[in-house]
Amino acid sequence: MSGIRHIVFDLGRVLLRWEPELPYLRLMPSAIEREHFLAEICNARWLLDTDLGTPWADAERELIARHPEHKAMIRAFREHWGEMVPGLVEGMPLILSQLIAAGYDLTALTNFAIDTFDEALERFSVLGAFRGITVSAHCGLAKPDEAIFERHAADFALEPKATLFFDDVWANVQAARRVGWQAEVFTDADTMRRDLARHGVRID
């Protein structure tokens, strides 16, 4: 019998689609320029500041100071953020509902800015299905810092060895394993079902 009782979801690219290139397909038609911009300027390293609680205006100001030639495109990132989250990952709402019906304890642990998380809460009612959500910007900690995993476990009384975590980023999965959780890389709903089954979690 499985010892897993707690299942923890990342949100972006696990439950919520996260496709920052979508508005830039229109705003920056050149594929070469667009790929460079999202890889080198408005990239994951920059977003980590907002995930840790830096207001968007401050994050924009600092980045514009370094890349003034991209001022308009940098500001467009927050202006068009809603387009970057066009919906839910296929198959995931069903898995979520099946896990709840099977009696598993579900929480979420996510790197998210304060205001965009509030926007996501308004748009996606499925987020209310979790017993609770740890948001990086609310606590000033972000994955893959092991401290945020420990904070989440403490806040929600999770037993590490009975906890299974899914994240699309390998470094985050590694961090979860280091604090004693079970953890798997998320790629798609079908693969998640197979991973759940390997851990003894049956929902079919």
N, C-alpha and C. Protein backbone atom coordinates (compact mmCIF):
# COMPACT_ATOMS: atom_id res chain seq x y z
N MET A 1 0.84 -1.20 0.00
CA MET A 1 0.00 0.00 0.00
C MET A 1 0.88 1.25 0.00
N SER A 2 0.47 2.27 -0.73
CA SER A 2 1.24 3.50 -0.83
C SER A 2 1.25 4.23 0.50
N GLY A 3 2.42 4.84 0.80
CA GLY A 3 2.51 5.69 1.98
C GLY A 3 2.27 7.15 1.66
N ILE A 4 1.98 7.47 0.41
CA ILE A 4 1.76 8.86 0.01
C ILE A 4 0.39 9.33 0.50
N ARG A 5 0.39 10.43 1.24
CA ARG A 5 -0.86 11.04 1.69
C ARG A 5 -1.02 12.47 1.17
N HIS A 6 0.11 13.14 1.00
CA HIS A 6 0.11 14.54 0.59
C HIS A 6 0.68 14.66 -0.83
N ILE A 7 -0.04 15.37 -1.70
CA ILE A 7 0.46 15.61 -3.05
C ILE A 7 0.52 17.11 -3.26
N VAL A 8 1.70 17.57 -3.67
CA VAL A 8 1.96 19.01 -3.81
C VAL A 8 2.20 19.32 -5.29
N PHE A 9 1.48 20.30 -5.78
CA PHE A 9 1.58 20.73 -7.17
C PHE A 9 2.37 22.03 -7.28
N ASP A 10 3.28 22.11 -8.24
CA ASP A 10 3.68 23.40 -8.78
C ASP A 10 2.50 23.88 -9.61
N LEU A 11 2.47 25.17 -9.96
CA LEU A 11 1.35 25.68 -10.75
C LEU A 11 1.73 25.93 -12.21
N GLY A 12 2.70 26.80 -12.46
CA GLY A 12 3.05 27.14 -13.83
C GLY A 12 3.63 25.96 -14.58
N ARG A 13 3.03 25.66 -15.74
CA ARG A 13 3.41 24.55 -16.60
C ARG A 13 3.12 23.18 -15.97
N VAL A 14 2.36 23.18 -14.88
CA VAL A 14 1.86 21.92 -14.31
C VAL A 14 0.33 21.97 -14.32
N LEU A 15 -0.24 22.97 -13.69
CA LEU A 15 -1.70 23.14 -13.72
C LEU A 15 -2.09 24.29 -14.66
N LEU A 16 -1.34 25.38 -14.60
CA LEU A 16 -1.62 26.53 -15.44
C LEU A 16 -0.65 26.56 -16.62
N ARG A 17 -1.16 26.77 -17.80
CA ARG A 17 -0.27 26.95 -18.95
C ARG A 17 0.53 28.24 -18.75
N TRP A 18 1.82 28.20 -19.03
CA TRP A 18 2.69 29.37 -18.92
C TRP A 18 3.48 29.47 -20.20
N GLU A 19 3.08 30.43 -21.05
CA GLU A 19 3.65 30.58 -22.39
C GLU A 19 3.97 32.05 -22.64
N PRO A 20 5.07 32.56 -22.05
CA PRO A 20 5.38 33.99 -22.14
C PRO A 20 5.64 34.49 -23.54
N GLU A 21 5.88 33.59 -24.46
CA GLU A 21 6.12 34.03 -25.83
C GLU A 21 4.85 34.45 -26.56
N LEU A 22 3.68 34.09 -26.06
CA LEU A 22 2.45 34.31 -26.83
C LEU A 22 2.22 35.76 -27.25
N PRO A 23 2.23 36.74 -26.34
CA PRO A 23 2.01 38.11 -26.82
C PRO A 23 3.15 38.62 -27.70
N TYR A 24 4.34 38.10 -27.49
CA TYR A 24 5.49 38.57 -28.27
C TYR A 24 5.50 38.00 -29.68
N LEU A 25 4.70 36.98 -29.94
CA LEU A 25 4.54 36.54 -31.33
C LEU A 25 3.96 37.67 -32.16
N ARG A 26 3.13 38.49 -31.51
CA ARG A 26 2.53 39.65 -32.18
C ARG A 26 3.40 40.90 -32.03
N LEU A 27 3.94 41.10 -30.85
CA LEU A 27 4.68 42.33 -30.56
C LEU A 27 6.09 42.34 -31.13
N MET A 28 6.66 41.15 -31.30
CA MET A 28 8.04 41.04 -31.78
C MET A 28 8.09 39.92 -32.81
N PRO A 29 7.71 40.21 -34.05
CA PRO A 29 7.55 39.16 -35.07
C PRO A 29 8.81 38.37 -35.39
N SER A 30 9.98 38.98 -35.24
CA SER A 30 11.21 38.27 -35.56
C SER A 30 11.48 37.18 -34.53
N ALA A 31 11.54 35.94 -34.96
CA ALA A 31 11.77 34.83 -34.05
C ALA A 31 13.12 34.95 -33.35
N ILE A 32 14.13 35.40 -34.08
CA ILE A 32 15.46 35.53 -33.49
C ILE A 32 15.46 36.58 -32.39
N GLU A 33 14.86 37.73 -32.66
CA GLU A 33 14.81 38.80 -31.67
C GLU A 33 13.96 38.38 -30.46
N ARG A 34 12.85 37.73 -30.74
CA ARG A 34 11.94 37.30 -29.67
C ARG A 34 12.62 36.29 -28.75
N GLU A 35 13.27 35.31 -29.33
CA GLU A 35 13.92 34.29 -28.53
C GLU A 35 15.05 34.88 -27.69
N HIS A 36 15.80 35.81 -28.26
CA HIS A 36 16.88 36.47 -27.51
C HIS A 36 16.31 37.30 -26.37
N PHE A 37 15.25 38.03 -26.64
CA PHE A 37 14.64 38.88 -25.62
C PHE A 37 14.15 38.06 -24.42
N LEU A 38 13.48 36.96 -24.69
CA LEU A 38 12.92 36.16 -23.60
C LEU A 38 13.98 35.30 -22.90
N ALA A 39 15.08 35.04 -23.58
CA ALA A 39 16.16 34.25 -22.97
C ALA A 39 17.15 35.11 -22.20
N GLU A 40 17.36 36.35 -22.67
CA GLU A 40 18.44 37.17 -22.11
C GLU A 40 17.97 38.41 -21.37
N ILE A 41 16.73 38.85 -21.57
CA ILE A 41 16.28 40.10 -20.94
C ILE A 41 15.11 39.81 -20.01
N CYS A 42 13.92 39.65 -20.51
CA CYS A 42 12.79 39.27 -19.66
C CYS A 42 12.80 37.75 -19.50
N ASN A 43 13.73 37.29 -18.68
CA ASN A 43 13.95 35.85 -18.55
C ASN A 43 13.65 35.38 -17.13
N ALA A 44 13.93 34.13 -16.88
CA ALA A 44 13.61 33.53 -15.57
C ALA A 44 14.39 34.20 -14.44
N ARG A 45 15.62 34.61 -14.71
CA ARG A 45 16.41 35.26 -13.65
C ARG A 45 15.76 36.58 -13.24
N TRP A 46 15.25 37.33 -14.22
CA TRP A 46 14.57 38.59 -13.91
C TRP A 46 13.25 38.33 -13.19
N LEU A 47 12.51 37.36 -13.63
CA LEU A 47 11.22 37.06 -13.00
C LEU A 47 11.39 36.61 -11.55
N LEU A 48 12.55 36.04 -11.23
CA LEU A 48 12.76 35.60 -9.85
C LEU A 48 12.65 36.78 -8.88
N ASP A 49 13.03 37.98 -9.31
CA ASP A 49 12.88 39.15 -8.44
C ASP A 49 11.41 39.38 -8.07
N THR A 50 10.54 39.32 -9.05
CA THR A 50 9.12 39.51 -8.75
C THR A 50 8.56 38.33 -7.97
N ASP A 51 9.08 37.13 -8.24
CA ASP A 51 8.66 35.96 -7.48
C ASP A 51 9.03 36.08 -6.01
N LEU A 52 10.07 36.86 -5.73
CA LEU A 52 10.51 37.06 -4.34
C LEU A 52 9.87 38.29 -3.70
N GLY A 53 8.98 38.95 -4.45
CA GLY A 53 8.23 40.04 -3.87
C GLY A 53 8.57 41.43 -4.37
N THR A 54 9.55 41.57 -5.26
CA THR A 54 9.86 42.88 -5.83
C THR A 54 8.68 43.36 -6.66
N PRO A 55 8.17 44.58 -6.41
CA PRO A 55 7.07 45.09 -7.23
C PRO A 55 7.47 45.16 -8.70
N TRP A 56 6.50 44.96 -9.57
CA TRP A 56 6.78 44.98 -11.00
C TRP A 56 7.42 46.29 -11.44
N ALA A 57 6.92 47.41 -10.92
CA ALA A 57 7.46 48.71 -11.33
C ALA A 57 8.95 48.80 -11.02
N ASP A 58 9.35 48.29 -9.87
CA ASP A 58 10.77 48.32 -9.51
C ASP A 58 11.58 47.38 -10.38
N ALA A 59 11.04 46.21 -10.64
CA ALA A 59 11.74 45.25 -11.49
C ALA A 59 11.89 45.78 -12.90
N GLU A 60 10.85 46.43 -13.41
CA GLU A 60 10.92 47.03 -14.74
C GLU A 60 11.96 48.15 -14.78
N ARG A 61 11.94 49.00 -13.76
CA ARG A 61 12.86 50.15 -13.74
C ARG A 61 14.31 49.69 -13.78
N GLU A 62 14.62 48.67 -13.00
CA GLU A 62 15.99 48.16 -12.95
C GLU A 62 16.40 47.56 -14.29
N LEU A 63 15.48 46.82 -14.92
CA LEU A 63 15.81 46.17 -16.20
C LEU A 63 15.90 47.19 -17.32
N ILE A 64 15.04 48.18 -17.31
CA ILE A 64 15.08 49.23 -18.33
C ILE A 64 16.37 50.02 -18.23
N ALA A 65 16.85 50.23 -17.01
CA ALA A 65 18.12 50.94 -16.84
C ALA A 65 19.27 50.20 -17.51
N ARG A 66 19.18 48.89 -17.54
CA ARG A 66 20.24 48.08 -18.18
C ARG A 66 20.01 47.88 -19.67
N HIS A 67 18.73 47.96 -20.09
CA HIS A 67 18.39 47.72 -21.50
C HIS A 67 17.40 48.77 -21.97
N PRO A 68 17.80 50.05 -21.99
CA PRO A 68 16.84 51.12 -22.34
C PRO A 68 16.25 50.98 -23.74
N GLU A 69 16.98 50.33 -24.62
CA GLU A 69 16.48 50.15 -25.99
C GLU A 69 15.27 49.22 -26.04
N HIS A 70 15.02 48.47 -24.97
CA HIS A 70 13.90 47.54 -24.93
C HIS A 70 12.81 48.00 -23.97
N LYS A 71 12.77 49.28 -23.68
CA LYS A 71 11.84 49.81 -22.68
C LYS A 71 10.40 49.37 -22.94
N ALA A 72 9.93 49.56 -24.15
CA ALA A 72 8.53 49.25 -24.45
C ALA A 72 8.25 47.76 -24.32
N MET A 73 9.17 46.94 -24.78
CA MET A 73 8.94 45.50 -24.72
C MET A 73 9.04 44.96 -23.29
N ILE A 74 9.89 45.59 -22.48
CA ILE A 74 9.97 45.19 -21.07
C ILE A 74 8.65 45.50 -20.36
N ARG A 75 8.13 46.68 -20.58
CA ARG A 75 6.86 47.05 -19.95
C ARG A 75 5.70 46.21 -20.49
N ALA A 76 5.84 45.75 -21.71
CA ALA A 76 4.78 44.93 -22.30
C ALA A 76 4.62 43.59 -21.59
N PHE A 77 5.68 43.15 -20.92
CA PHE A 77 5.61 41.84 -20.26
C PHE A 77 4.49 41.82 -19.22
N ARG A 78 4.48 42.80 -18.33
CA ARG A 78 3.42 42.82 -17.31
C ARG A 78 2.08 43.22 -17.93
N GLU A 79 2.10 44.14 -18.88
CA GLU A 79 0.86 44.59 -19.51
C GLU A 79 0.11 43.44 -20.17
N HIS A 80 0.84 42.50 -20.71
CA HIS A 80 0.22 41.39 -21.46
C HIS A 80 0.35 40.07 -20.73
N TRP A 81 0.61 40.13 -19.41
CA TRP A 81 0.82 38.89 -18.66
C TRP A 81 -0.37 37.94 -18.80
N GLY A 82 -1.57 38.45 -18.81
CA GLY A 82 -2.74 37.58 -18.90
C GLY A 82 -2.74 36.69 -20.13
N GLU A 83 -2.20 37.21 -21.23
CA GLU A 83 -2.11 36.39 -22.45
C GLU A 83 -1.15 35.23 -22.29
N MET A 84 -0.20 35.37 -21.38
CA MET A 84 0.82 34.35 -21.21
C MET A 84 0.31 33.13 -20.45
N VAL A 85 -0.84 33.28 -19.82
CA VAL A 85 -1.46 32.17 -19.08
C VAL A 85 -2.84 31.94 -19.71
N PRO A 86 -2.86 31.28 -20.87
CA PRO A 86 -4.11 31.20 -21.64
C PRO A 86 -5.11 30.16 -21.16
N GLY A 87 -4.74 29.36 -20.17
CA GLY A 87 -5.69 28.36 -19.70
C GLY A 87 -5.01 27.33 -18.84
N LEU A 88 -5.64 26.18 -18.72
CA LEU A 88 -5.15 25.09 -17.88
C LEU A 88 -4.45 24.03 -18.72
N VAL A 89 -3.49 23.36 -18.12
CA VAL A 89 -2.78 22.28 -18.81
C VAL A 89 -3.75 21.14 -19.07
N GLU A 90 -3.75 20.65 -20.27
CA GLU A 90 -4.70 19.61 -20.69
C GLU A 90 -4.63 18.39 -19.77
N GLY A 91 -5.78 17.96 -19.31
CA GLY A 91 -5.89 16.76 -18.51
C GLY A 91 -5.69 16.95 -17.02
N MET A 92 -5.18 18.11 -16.62
CA MET A 92 -4.84 18.29 -15.21
C MET A 92 -6.04 18.56 -14.29
N PRO A 93 -7.04 19.32 -14.71
CA PRO A 93 -8.20 19.48 -13.81
C PRO A 93 -8.85 18.15 -13.44
N LEU A 94 -8.88 17.21 -14.38
CA LEU A 94 -9.46 15.90 -14.09
C LEU A 94 -8.61 15.16 -13.05
N ILE A 95 -7.30 15.18 -13.21
CA ILE A 95 -6.43 14.53 -12.23
C ILE A 95 -6.63 15.15 -10.86
N LEU A 96 -6.71 16.46 -10.81
CA LEU A 96 -6.90 17.16 -9.53
C LEU A 96 -8.19 16.69 -8.87
N SER A 97 -9.26 16.66 -9.63
CA SER A 97 -10.56 16.27 -9.05
C SER A 97 -10.55 14.80 -8.63
N GLN A 98 -9.86 13.95 -9.38
CA GLN A 98 -9.80 12.54 -9.03
C GLN A 98 -8.98 12.31 -7.76
N LEU A 99 -7.91 13.07 -7.59
CA LEU A 99 -7.10 12.96 -6.38
C LEU A 99 -7.90 13.40 -5.15
N ILE A 100 -8.66 14.47 -5.31
CA ILE A 100 -9.51 14.94 -4.21
C ILE A 100 -10.55 13.89 -3.87
N ALA A 101 -11.20 13.33 -4.90
CA ALA A 101 -12.23 12.32 -4.67
C ALA A 101 -11.66 11.07 -3.99
N ALA A 102 -10.36 10.80 -4.27
CA ALA A 102 -9.72 9.63 -3.67
C ALA A 102 -9.22 9.91 -2.25
N GLY A 103 -9.36 11.14 -1.79
CA GLY A 103 -9.03 11.45 -0.41
C GLY A 103 -7.63 11.94 -0.14
N TYR A 104 -6.89 12.28 -1.19
CA TYR A 104 -5.53 12.78 -0.97
C TYR A 104 -5.55 14.25 -0.55
N ASP A 105 -4.56 14.61 0.22
CA ASP A 105 -4.40 15.98 0.70
C ASP A 105 -3.61 16.76 -0.35
N LEU A 106 -4.23 17.77 -0.93
CA LEU A 106 -3.59 18.51 -2.02
C LEU A 106 -3.27 19.94 -1.62
N THR A 107 -2.02 20.32 -1.84
CA THR A 107 -1.58 21.70 -1.66
C THR A 107 -0.74 22.08 -2.87
N ALA A 108 -0.39 23.36 -2.96
CA ALA A 108 0.44 23.82 -4.07
C ALA A 108 1.57 24.68 -3.54
N LEU A 109 2.69 24.64 -4.25
CA LEU A 109 3.89 25.40 -3.91
C LEU A 109 4.40 26.03 -5.18
N THR A 110 4.37 27.37 -5.25
CA THR A 110 4.61 28.03 -6.52
C THR A 110 5.47 29.27 -6.39
N ASN A 111 6.29 29.50 -7.41
CA ASN A 111 6.98 30.78 -7.56
C ASN A 111 6.05 31.69 -8.35
N PHE A 112 5.62 32.79 -7.71
CA PHE A 112 4.62 33.66 -8.33
C PHE A 112 4.76 35.04 -7.72
N ALA A 113 4.58 36.08 -8.54
CA ALA A 113 4.53 37.45 -8.03
C ALA A 113 3.19 37.69 -7.33
N ILE A 114 3.16 38.70 -6.47
CA ILE A 114 1.96 38.93 -5.66
C ILE A 114 0.74 39.26 -6.51
N ASP A 115 0.86 40.26 -7.38
CA ASP A 115 -0.33 40.71 -8.10
C ASP A 115 -0.77 39.75 -9.19
N THR A 116 0.19 39.10 -9.84
CA THR A 116 -0.21 38.15 -10.88
C THR A 116 -0.83 36.89 -10.26
N PHE A 117 -0.40 36.53 -9.06
CA PHE A 117 -1.06 35.40 -8.38
C PHE A 117 -2.50 35.77 -8.05
N ASP A 118 -2.72 36.99 -7.57
CA ASP A 118 -4.09 37.42 -7.29
C ASP A 118 -4.93 37.38 -8.56
N GLU A 119 -4.34 37.76 -9.67
CA GLU A 119 -5.05 37.72 -10.96
C GLU A 119 -5.39 36.27 -11.33
N ALA A 120 -4.43 35.37 -11.11
CA ALA A 120 -4.68 33.95 -11.41
C ALA A 120 -5.80 33.40 -10.54
N LEU A 121 -5.83 33.79 -9.27
CA LEU A 121 -6.91 33.33 -8.39
C LEU A 121 -8.28 33.74 -8.91
N GLU A 122 -8.36 34.96 -9.43
CA GLU A 122 -9.63 35.45 -9.96
C GLU A 122 -10.03 34.71 -11.23
N ARG A 123 -9.07 34.35 -12.04
CA ARG A 123 -9.36 33.74 -13.33
C ARG A 123 -9.61 32.23 -13.26
N PHE A 124 -8.92 31.56 -12.35
CA PHE A 124 -8.95 30.10 -12.35
C PHE A 124 -9.50 29.58 -11.03
N SER A 125 -10.78 29.26 -11.03
CA SER A 125 -11.43 28.80 -9.81
C SER A 125 -10.85 27.47 -9.31
N VAL A 126 -10.21 26.71 -10.19
CA VAL A 126 -9.64 25.43 -9.81
C VAL A 126 -8.59 25.60 -8.71
N LEU A 127 -7.98 26.77 -8.59
CA LEU A 127 -6.98 26.99 -7.55
C LEU A 127 -7.59 26.90 -6.16
N GLY A 128 -8.89 27.09 -6.07
CA GLY A 128 -9.56 26.97 -4.79
C GLY A 128 -9.71 25.54 -4.32
N ALA A 129 -9.35 24.58 -5.15
CA ALA A 129 -9.47 23.17 -4.77
C ALA A 129 -8.36 22.74 -3.80
N PHE A 130 -7.27 23.50 -3.76
CA PHE A 130 -6.17 23.13 -2.88
C PHE A 130 -6.48 23.50 -1.43
N ARG A 131 -5.99 22.69 -0.50
CA ARG A 131 -6.14 23.03 0.91
C ARG A 131 -5.41 24.32 1.23
N GLY A 132 -4.35 24.58 0.52
CA GLY A 132 -3.60 25.82 0.70
C GLY A 132 -2.51 25.93 -0.35
N ILE A 133 -2.00 27.14 -0.54
CA ILE A 133 -0.97 27.39 -1.55
C ILE A 133 0.12 28.26 -0.92
N THR A 134 1.36 27.82 -1.02
CA THR A 134 2.50 28.64 -0.63
C THR A 134 2.97 29.40 -1.86
N VAL A 135 2.97 30.73 -1.77
CA VAL A 135 3.37 31.60 -2.88
C VAL A 135 4.70 32.25 -2.51
N SER A 136 5.68 32.14 -3.38
CA SER A 136 7.02 32.63 -3.08
C SER A 136 7.03 34.09 -2.65
N ALA A 137 6.30 34.94 -3.37
CA ALA A 137 6.33 36.37 -3.07
C ALA A 137 5.71 36.70 -1.72
N HIS A 138 4.88 35.81 -1.20
CA HIS A 138 4.26 36.04 0.10
C HIS A 138 5.23 35.77 1.25
N CYS A 139 6.21 34.89 0.99
CA CYS A 139 7.12 34.51 2.09
C CYS A 139 8.56 34.92 1.84
N GLY A 140 8.85 35.50 0.68
CA GLY A 140 10.21 35.94 0.40
C GLY A 140 11.19 34.81 0.17
N LEU A 141 10.68 33.65 -0.18
CA LEU A 141 11.49 32.48 -0.51
C LEU A 141 11.01 31.93 -1.83
N ALA A 142 11.92 31.34 -2.60
CA ALA A 142 11.52 30.81 -3.90
C ALA A 142 12.26 29.50 -4.18
N LYS A 143 11.58 28.62 -4.89
CA LYS A 143 12.23 27.40 -5.36
C LYS A 143 13.40 27.77 -6.28
N PRO A 144 14.50 27.07 -6.24
CA PRO A 144 14.74 25.79 -5.56
C PRO A 144 15.35 25.90 -4.15
N ASP A 145 15.21 27.02 -3.50
CA ASP A 145 15.69 27.14 -2.12
C ASP A 145 14.98 26.11 -1.25
N GLU A 146 15.73 25.28 -0.59
CA GLU A 146 15.13 24.23 0.23
C GLU A 146 14.26 24.80 1.34
N ALA A 147 14.54 26.04 1.74
CA ALA A 147 13.79 26.64 2.85
C ALA A 147 12.30 26.77 2.53
N ILE A 148 11.95 26.99 1.27
CA ILE A 148 10.53 27.15 0.95
C ILE A 148 9.81 25.81 1.02
N PHE A 149 10.51 24.73 0.74
CA PHE A 149 9.90 23.41 0.88
C PHE A 149 9.68 23.09 2.37
N GLU A 150 10.67 23.43 3.18
CA GLU A 150 10.53 23.21 4.62
C GLU A 150 9.43 24.09 5.20
N ARG A 151 9.33 25.31 4.71
CA ARG A 151 8.26 26.23 5.15
C ARG A 151 6.90 25.65 4.79
N HIS A 152 6.77 25.17 3.57
CA HIS A 152 5.49 24.61 3.12
C HIS A 152 5.11 23.40 3.98
N ALA A 153 6.06 22.52 4.21
CA ALA A 153 5.77 21.32 5.01
C ALA A 153 5.35 21.69 6.42
N ALA A 154 6.01 22.69 7.00
CA ALA A 154 5.66 23.11 8.35
C ALA A 154 4.29 23.77 8.39
N ASP A 155 4.03 24.66 7.43
CA ASP A 155 2.76 25.39 7.42
C ASP A 155 1.56 24.47 7.24
N PHE A 156 1.74 23.38 6.48
CA PHE A 156 0.61 22.51 6.18
C PHE A 156 0.72 21.13 6.83
N ALA A 157 1.65 21.01 7.79
CA ALA A 157 1.79 19.78 8.58
C ALA A 157 1.95 18.56 7.67
N LEU A 158 2.86 18.65 6.71
CA LEU A 158 3.13 17.54 5.81
C LEU A 158 4.23 16.67 6.38
N GLU A 159 4.05 15.36 6.30
CA GLU A 159 5.13 14.44 6.63
C GLU A 159 5.97 14.25 5.37
N PRO A 160 7.24 14.65 5.38
CA PRO A 160 8.03 14.63 4.14
C PRO A 160 7.99 13.32 3.38
N LYS A 161 8.20 12.19 4.06
CA LYS A 161 8.26 10.92 3.34
C LYS A 161 6.91 10.50 2.77
N ALA A 162 5.84 11.12 3.25
CA ALA A 162 4.49 10.82 2.74
C ALA A 162 4.02 11.87 1.74
N THR A 163 4.96 12.69 1.26
CA THR A 163 4.64 13.80 0.36
C THR A 163 5.21 13.55 -1.02
N LEU A 164 4.39 13.74 -2.04
CA LEU A 164 4.80 13.60 -3.44
C LEU A 164 4.60 14.92 -4.15
N PHE A 165 5.66 15.40 -4.78
CA PHE A 165 5.68 16.74 -5.39
C PHE A 165 5.90 16.62 -6.89
N PHE A 166 5.19 17.48 -7.64
CA PHE A 166 5.35 17.54 -9.09
C PHE A 166 5.72 18.96 -9.51
N ASP A 167 6.80 19.08 -10.29
CA ASP A 167 7.26 20.38 -10.79
C ASP A 167 7.87 20.16 -12.16
N ASP A 168 7.77 21.15 -13.02
CA ASP A 168 8.32 21.01 -14.36
C ASP A 168 9.82 21.30 -14.42
N VAL A 169 10.41 21.78 -13.32
CA VAL A 169 11.83 22.17 -13.30
C VAL A 169 12.62 21.15 -12.48
N TRP A 170 13.63 20.57 -13.09
CA TRP A 170 14.42 19.52 -12.45
C TRP A 170 15.08 20.00 -11.17
N ALA A 171 15.60 21.24 -11.15
CA ALA A 171 16.26 21.75 -9.95
C ALA A 171 15.29 21.79 -8.77
N ASN A 172 14.03 22.07 -9.03
CA ASN A 172 13.03 22.11 -7.96
C ASN A 172 12.71 20.71 -7.45
N VAL A 173 12.68 19.76 -8.36
CA VAL A 173 12.46 18.37 -7.98
C VAL A 173 13.62 17.88 -7.11
N GLN A 174 14.84 18.23 -7.51
CA GLN A 174 16.01 17.84 -6.72
C GLN A 174 15.94 18.43 -5.31
N ALA A 175 15.55 19.70 -5.21
CA ALA A 175 15.47 20.35 -3.90
C ALA A 175 14.43 19.65 -3.02
N ALA A 176 13.30 19.30 -3.61
CA ALA A 176 12.26 18.59 -2.84
C ALA A 176 12.79 17.25 -2.32
N ARG A 177 13.52 16.56 -3.15
CA ARG A 177 14.08 15.27 -2.71
C ARG A 177 15.09 15.46 -1.59
N ARG A 178 15.84 16.55 -1.64
CA ARG A 178 16.85 16.79 -0.61
C ARG A 178 16.22 17.00 0.77
N VAL A 179 14.98 17.51 0.79
CA VAL A 179 14.33 17.71 2.10
C VAL A 179 13.46 16.51 2.48
N GLY A 180 13.60 15.44 1.72
CA GLY A 180 12.94 14.19 2.12
C GLY A 180 11.63 13.88 1.44
N TRP A 181 11.20 14.73 0.49
CA TRP A 181 9.96 14.47 -0.22
C TRP A 181 10.22 13.47 -1.35
N GLN A 182 9.16 12.80 -1.79
CA GLN A 182 9.16 12.15 -3.08
C GLN A 182 8.86 13.24 -4.11
N ALA A 183 9.46 13.15 -5.29
CA ALA A 183 9.25 14.22 -6.27
C ALA A 183 9.51 13.71 -7.68
N GLU A 184 8.74 14.22 -8.63
CA GLU A 184 8.87 13.84 -10.03
C GLU A 184 8.78 15.07 -10.93
N VAL A 185 9.47 15.00 -12.06
CA VAL A 185 9.39 16.06 -13.05
C VAL A 185 8.08 15.92 -13.82
N PHE A 186 7.35 17.01 -13.92
CA PHE A 186 6.09 17.00 -14.68
C PHE A 186 6.37 17.31 -16.14
N THR A 187 5.78 16.51 -17.02
CA THR A 187 5.84 16.80 -18.46
C THR A 187 4.45 16.92 -19.05
N ASP A 188 3.54 16.01 -18.67
CA ASP A 188 2.17 16.08 -19.16
C ASP A 188 1.30 15.21 -18.26
N ALA A 189 0.00 15.31 -18.46
CA ALA A 189 -0.94 14.61 -17.57
C ALA A 189 -0.79 13.10 -17.65
N ASP A 190 -0.58 12.56 -18.84
CA ASP A 190 -0.45 11.11 -18.96
C ASP A 190 0.77 10.59 -18.20
N THR A 191 1.88 11.32 -18.31
CA THR A 191 3.09 10.92 -17.58
C THR A 191 2.87 11.04 -16.08
N MET A 192 2.15 12.07 -15.65
CA MET A 192 1.86 12.22 -14.23
C MET A 192 1.04 11.04 -13.72
N ARG A 193 0.08 10.60 -14.50
CA ARG A 193 -0.71 9.43 -14.08
C ARG A 193 0.19 8.21 -13.87
N ARG A 194 1.15 8.01 -14.76
CA ARG A 194 2.05 6.88 -14.62
C ARG A 194 2.94 7.05 -13.38
N ASP A 195 3.39 8.29 -13.14
CA ASP A 195 4.22 8.54 -11.96
C ASP A 195 3.42 8.33 -10.68
N LEU A 196 2.19 8.79 -10.68
CA LEU A 196 1.33 8.56 -9.51
C LEU A 196 1.19 7.06 -9.24
N ALA A 197 0.95 6.30 -10.29
CA ALA A 197 0.78 4.85 -10.13
C ALA A 197 2.04 4.20 -9.60
N ARG A 198 3.21 4.64 -10.06
CA ARG A 198 4.47 4.09 -9.56
C ARG A 198 4.64 4.33 -8.07
N HIS A 199 4.08 5.45 -7.60
CA HIS A 199 4.15 5.77 -6.17
C HIS A 199 2.98 5.18 -5.38
N GLY A 200 2.18 4.36 -6.05
CA GLY A 200 1.09 3.70 -5.36
C GLY A 200 -0.17 4.55 -5.22
N VAL A 201 -0.23 5.65 -5.96
CA VAL A 201 -1.40 6.52 -5.90
C VAL A 201 -2.36 6.10 -7.02
N ARG A 202 -3.49 5.58 -6.65
CA ARG A 202 -4.45 5.06 -7.64
C ARG A 202 -5.66 5.97 -7.72
N ILE A 203 -5.96 6.45 -8.92
CA ILE A 203 -7.10 7.35 -9.06
C ILE A 203 -8.04 6.92 -10.19
N ASP A 204 -7.74 5.86 -10.90
CA ASP A 204 -8.60 5.42 -12.00
C ASP A 204 -9.75 4.58 -11.47
